[in-house]
Amino acid sequence: MRTSLNNIKAIDDHLLGMAAPQDNLLFEAKMILNPELRADVYWHQKTLALVQQYGREQLRAEIEAVHKQLFTRPEHHGFRQSILRFFKR
């Protein structure tokens, strides 16, 4: 089954806590009555977790690249020394 954009929005709102309490309650009732919706929610949740993990890995890689530039290039020697002094206190 192809999930409609309305279903995707409703699932997102539910999982991200953006739905109103009464809408959340109605959505949970729909999940009880509709196993396909329950499966869609499960897979959507897994997808969101993977996207979040990927984003974290990308951020770590960017931070590591900046760290390497700041602490290995000679033109950043003064900055590097300032940071190291700050942490020696």
N, C-alpha and C. Protein backbone atom coordinates (compact mmCIF):
# COMPACT_ATOMS: atom_id res chain seq x y z
N MET A 1 0.83 -1.18 0.00
CA MET A 1 0.00 0.00 0.00
C MET A 1 0.88 1.25 0.00
N ARG A 2 0.54 2.19 -0.83
CA ARG A 2 1.25 3.47 -0.83
C ARG A 2 0.63 4.37 0.23
N THR A 3 1.48 4.89 1.06
CA THR A 3 1.00 5.78 2.11
C THR A 3 0.77 7.16 1.52
N SER A 4 -0.40 7.72 1.74
CA SER A 4 -0.70 9.05 1.22
C SER A 4 0.07 10.11 2.01
N LEU A 5 0.19 11.27 1.40
CA LEU A 5 0.87 12.37 2.07
C LEU A 5 0.15 12.76 3.36
N ASN A 6 -1.18 12.65 3.37
CA ASN A 6 -1.93 12.96 4.59
C ASN A 6 -1.57 11.98 5.71
N ASN A 7 -1.44 10.70 5.36
CA ASN A 7 -1.04 9.71 6.36
C ASN A 7 0.36 9.98 6.87
N ILE A 8 1.26 10.33 5.96
CA ILE A 8 2.64 10.63 6.37
C ILE A 8 2.66 11.82 7.32
N LYS A 9 1.89 12.86 7.00
CA LYS A 9 1.83 14.03 7.89
C LYS A 9 1.26 13.65 9.24
N ALA A 10 0.19 12.85 9.25
CA ALA A 10 -0.41 12.44 10.52
C ALA A 10 0.56 11.59 11.33
N ILE A 11 1.29 10.71 10.66
CA ILE A 11 2.27 9.88 11.36
C ILE A 11 3.39 10.74 11.92
N ASP A 12 3.90 11.66 11.11
CA ASP A 12 4.94 12.59 11.58
C ASP A 12 4.48 13.37 12.79
N ASP A 13 3.29 13.96 12.69
CA ASP A 13 2.76 14.75 13.81
C ASP A 13 2.65 13.90 15.07
N HIS A 14 2.20 12.67 14.90
CA HIS A 14 2.06 11.77 16.05
C HIS A 14 3.42 11.43 16.66
N LEU A 15 4.37 11.03 15.82
CA LEU A 15 5.67 10.60 16.33
C LEU A 15 6.50 11.75 16.88
N LEU A 16 6.35 12.92 16.30
CA LEU A 16 7.15 14.07 16.72
C LEU A 16 6.47 14.90 17.81
N GLY A 17 5.29 14.45 18.25
CA GLY A 17 4.59 15.15 19.32
C GLY A 17 4.01 16.49 18.92
N MET A 18 3.70 16.64 17.64
CA MET A 18 3.19 17.92 17.15
C MET A 18 1.66 17.93 17.04
N ALA A 19 1.03 16.79 17.23
CA ALA A 19 -0.43 16.71 17.12
C ALA A 19 -1.07 17.15 18.43
N ALA A 20 -2.27 17.68 18.29
CA ALA A 20 -3.05 18.05 19.48
C ALA A 20 -3.42 16.78 20.24
N PRO A 21 -3.61 16.87 21.56
CA PRO A 21 -3.92 15.67 22.34
C PRO A 21 -5.12 14.88 21.82
N GLN A 22 -6.19 15.58 21.41
CA GLN A 22 -7.35 14.86 20.91
C GLN A 22 -7.06 14.18 19.58
N ASP A 23 -6.21 14.80 18.74
CA ASP A 23 -5.82 14.17 17.48
C ASP A 23 -4.93 12.96 17.74
N ASN A 24 -4.08 13.07 18.73
CA ASN A 24 -3.22 11.94 19.11
C ASN A 24 -4.06 10.74 19.56
N LEU A 25 -5.05 11.01 20.36
CA LEU A 25 -5.94 9.95 20.85
C LEU A 25 -6.68 9.28 19.70
N LEU A 26 -7.19 10.08 18.78
CA LEU A 26 -7.88 9.55 17.61
C LEU A 26 -6.93 8.73 16.74
N PHE A 27 -5.70 9.22 16.57
CA PHE A 27 -4.71 8.51 15.76
C PHE A 27 -4.38 7.15 16.40
N GLU A 28 -4.22 7.12 17.70
CA GLU A 28 -3.94 5.86 18.39
C GLU A 28 -5.09 4.88 18.24
N ALA A 29 -6.32 5.37 18.26
CA ALA A 29 -7.48 4.50 18.04
C ALA A 29 -7.46 3.93 16.62
N LYS A 30 -7.10 4.78 15.65
CA LYS A 30 -6.99 4.33 14.26
C LYS A 30 -5.93 3.24 14.12
N MET A 31 -4.83 3.39 14.85
CA MET A 31 -3.76 2.38 14.79
C MET A 31 -4.25 1.04 15.35
N ILE A 32 -5.07 1.09 16.38
CA ILE A 32 -5.61 -0.15 16.96
C ILE A 32 -6.50 -0.85 15.94
N LEU A 33 -7.28 -0.08 15.22
CA LEU A 33 -8.24 -0.65 14.27
C LEU A 33 -7.62 -1.01 12.91
N ASN A 34 -6.48 -0.42 12.59
CA ASN A 34 -5.89 -0.60 11.26
C ASN A 34 -4.46 -1.11 11.37
N PRO A 35 -4.24 -2.41 11.19
CA PRO A 35 -2.89 -2.98 11.29
C PRO A 35 -1.92 -2.41 10.25
N GLU A 36 -2.44 -2.03 9.08
CA GLU A 36 -1.56 -1.44 8.06
C GLU A 36 -1.03 -0.09 8.53
N LEU A 37 -1.87 0.70 9.16
CA LEU A 37 -1.43 1.99 9.69
C LEU A 37 -0.39 1.76 10.78
N ARG A 38 -0.63 0.78 11.63
CA ARG A 38 0.32 0.46 12.69
C ARG A 38 1.68 0.09 12.09
N ALA A 39 1.67 -0.68 11.01
CA ALA A 39 2.91 -1.07 10.33
C ALA A 39 3.58 0.16 9.70
N ASP A 40 2.77 1.03 9.09
CA ASP A 40 3.32 2.27 8.51
C ASP A 40 4.00 3.12 9.58
N VAL A 41 3.37 3.22 10.75
CA VAL A 41 3.95 4.00 11.85
C VAL A 41 5.26 3.37 12.30
N TYR A 42 5.28 2.05 12.42
CA TYR A 42 6.50 1.34 12.83
C TYR A 42 7.65 1.65 11.87
N TRP A 43 7.40 1.51 10.57
CA TRP A 43 8.47 1.73 9.59
C TRP A 43 8.85 3.19 9.48
N HIS A 44 7.90 4.06 9.67
CA HIS A 44 8.19 5.50 9.66
C HIS A 44 9.09 5.85 10.84
N GLN A 45 8.81 5.27 11.98
CA GLN A 45 9.63 5.50 13.17
C GLN A 45 11.05 5.01 12.94
N LYS A 46 11.19 3.83 12.33
CA LYS A 46 12.52 3.29 12.02
C LYS A 46 13.26 4.21 11.05
N THR A 47 12.54 4.73 10.06
CA THR A 47 13.15 5.63 9.08
C THR A 47 13.62 6.91 9.75
N LEU A 48 12.80 7.49 10.62
CA LEU A 48 13.20 8.71 11.34
C LEU A 48 14.45 8.46 12.18
N ALA A 49 14.53 7.30 12.81
CA ALA A 49 15.71 6.98 13.63
C ALA A 49 16.96 6.87 12.76
N LEU A 50 16.83 6.27 11.59
CA LEU A 50 17.98 6.16 10.68
C LEU A 50 18.43 7.53 10.17
N VAL A 51 17.48 8.38 9.84
CA VAL A 51 17.81 9.72 9.36
C VAL A 51 18.50 10.51 10.47
N GLN A 52 18.01 10.38 11.69
CA GLN A 52 18.62 11.07 12.82
C GLN A 52 20.05 10.57 13.05
N GLN A 53 20.25 9.27 12.99
CA GLN A 53 21.59 8.71 13.17
C GLN A 53 22.53 9.18 12.07
N TYR A 54 22.04 9.21 10.83
CA TYR A 54 22.85 9.68 9.71
C TYR A 54 23.25 11.14 9.94
N GLY A 55 22.30 11.95 10.38
CA GLY A 55 22.59 13.36 10.65
C GLY A 55 23.65 13.53 11.73
N ARG A 56 23.58 12.71 12.76
CA ARG A 56 24.59 12.76 13.82
C ARG A 56 25.97 12.40 13.29
N GLU A 57 26.02 11.37 12.45
CA GLU A 57 27.30 10.96 11.88
C GLU A 57 27.87 12.05 10.98
N GLN A 58 27.01 12.69 10.21
CA GLN A 58 27.45 13.79 9.35
C GLN A 58 28.00 14.94 10.19
N LEU A 59 27.31 15.27 11.27
CA LEU A 59 27.75 16.35 12.14
C LEU A 59 29.09 16.01 12.78
N ARG A 60 29.24 14.78 13.23
CA ARG A 60 30.52 14.36 13.81
C ARG A 60 31.65 14.50 12.80
N ALA A 61 31.39 14.11 11.55
CA ALA A 61 32.41 14.20 10.51
C ALA A 61 32.79 15.66 10.24
N GLU A 62 31.80 16.55 10.22
CA GLU A 62 32.08 17.97 10.01
C GLU A 62 32.88 18.55 11.16
N ILE A 63 32.52 18.20 12.38
CA ILE A 63 33.25 18.69 13.55
C ILE A 63 34.69 18.18 13.53
N GLU A 64 34.87 16.93 13.17
CA GLU A 64 36.22 16.36 13.09
C GLU A 64 37.05 17.07 12.01
N ALA A 65 36.45 17.41 10.88
CA ALA A 65 37.17 18.12 9.82
C ALA A 65 37.61 19.50 10.29
N VAL A 66 36.73 20.21 10.99
CA VAL A 66 37.08 21.52 11.52
C VAL A 66 38.18 21.37 12.56
N HIS A 67 38.07 20.38 13.42
CA HIS A 67 39.08 20.13 14.44
C HIS A 67 40.45 19.90 13.80
N LYS A 68 40.48 19.07 12.77
CA LYS A 68 41.75 18.80 12.09
C LYS A 68 42.35 20.06 11.49
N GLN A 69 41.51 20.88 10.88
CA GLN A 69 42.01 22.12 10.29
C GLN A 69 42.57 23.06 11.36
N LEU A 70 41.85 23.22 12.44
CA LEU A 70 42.27 24.17 13.48
C LEU A 70 43.49 23.70 14.26
N PHE A 71 43.66 22.40 14.39
CA PHE A 71 44.74 21.92 15.24
C PHE A 71 45.92 21.34 14.46
N THR A 72 45.89 21.38 13.15
CA THR A 72 47.04 20.86 12.40
C THR A 72 47.66 21.88 11.46
N ARG A 73 46.92 22.86 11.01
CA ARG A 73 47.47 23.85 10.07
C ARG A 73 48.28 24.90 10.82
N PRO A 74 49.43 25.25 10.26
CA PRO A 74 50.30 26.23 10.92
C PRO A 74 49.65 27.61 11.08
N GLU A 75 48.80 28.01 10.15
CA GLU A 75 48.20 29.36 10.25
C GLU A 75 47.25 29.50 11.42
N HIS A 76 46.87 28.38 12.04
CA HIS A 76 45.97 28.42 13.19
C HIS A 76 46.70 28.17 14.51
N HIS A 77 48.02 28.32 14.49
CA HIS A 77 48.83 28.04 15.68
C HIS A 77 48.40 28.91 16.88
N GLY A 78 48.18 30.20 16.65
CA GLY A 78 47.78 31.09 17.73
C GLY A 78 46.44 30.68 18.34
N PHE A 79 45.50 30.35 17.51
CA PHE A 79 44.20 29.91 18.01
C PHE A 79 44.34 28.62 18.81
N ARG A 80 45.13 27.70 18.28
CA ARG A 80 45.36 26.42 18.96
C ARG A 80 45.95 26.65 20.35
N GLN A 81 46.93 27.55 20.44
CA GLN A 81 47.56 27.84 21.73
C GLN A 81 46.57 28.47 22.70
N SER A 82 45.71 29.36 22.20
CA SER A 82 44.69 29.99 23.06
C SER A 82 43.75 28.95 23.64
N ILE A 83 43.33 28.01 22.83
CA ILE A 83 42.42 26.96 23.29
C ILE A 83 43.11 26.07 24.31
N LEU A 84 44.33 25.68 24.02
CA LEU A 84 45.05 24.80 24.96
C LEU A 84 45.29 25.48 26.30
N ARG A 85 45.59 26.78 26.28
CA ARG A 85 45.76 27.52 27.54
C ARG A 85 44.45 27.55 28.33
N PHE A 86 43.36 27.71 27.64
CA PHE A 86 42.06 27.76 28.29
C PHE A 86 41.78 26.47 29.06
N PHE A 87 42.17 25.34 28.50
CA PHE A 87 41.90 24.06 29.16
C PHE A 87 42.96 23.66 30.17
N LYS A 88 44.09 24.35 30.21
CA LYS A 88 45.13 24.06 31.21
C LYS A 88 44.81 24.68 32.56
N ARG A 89 43.89 25.61 32.59
CA ARG A 89 43.56 26.31 33.84
C ARG A 89 42.92 25.39 34.83
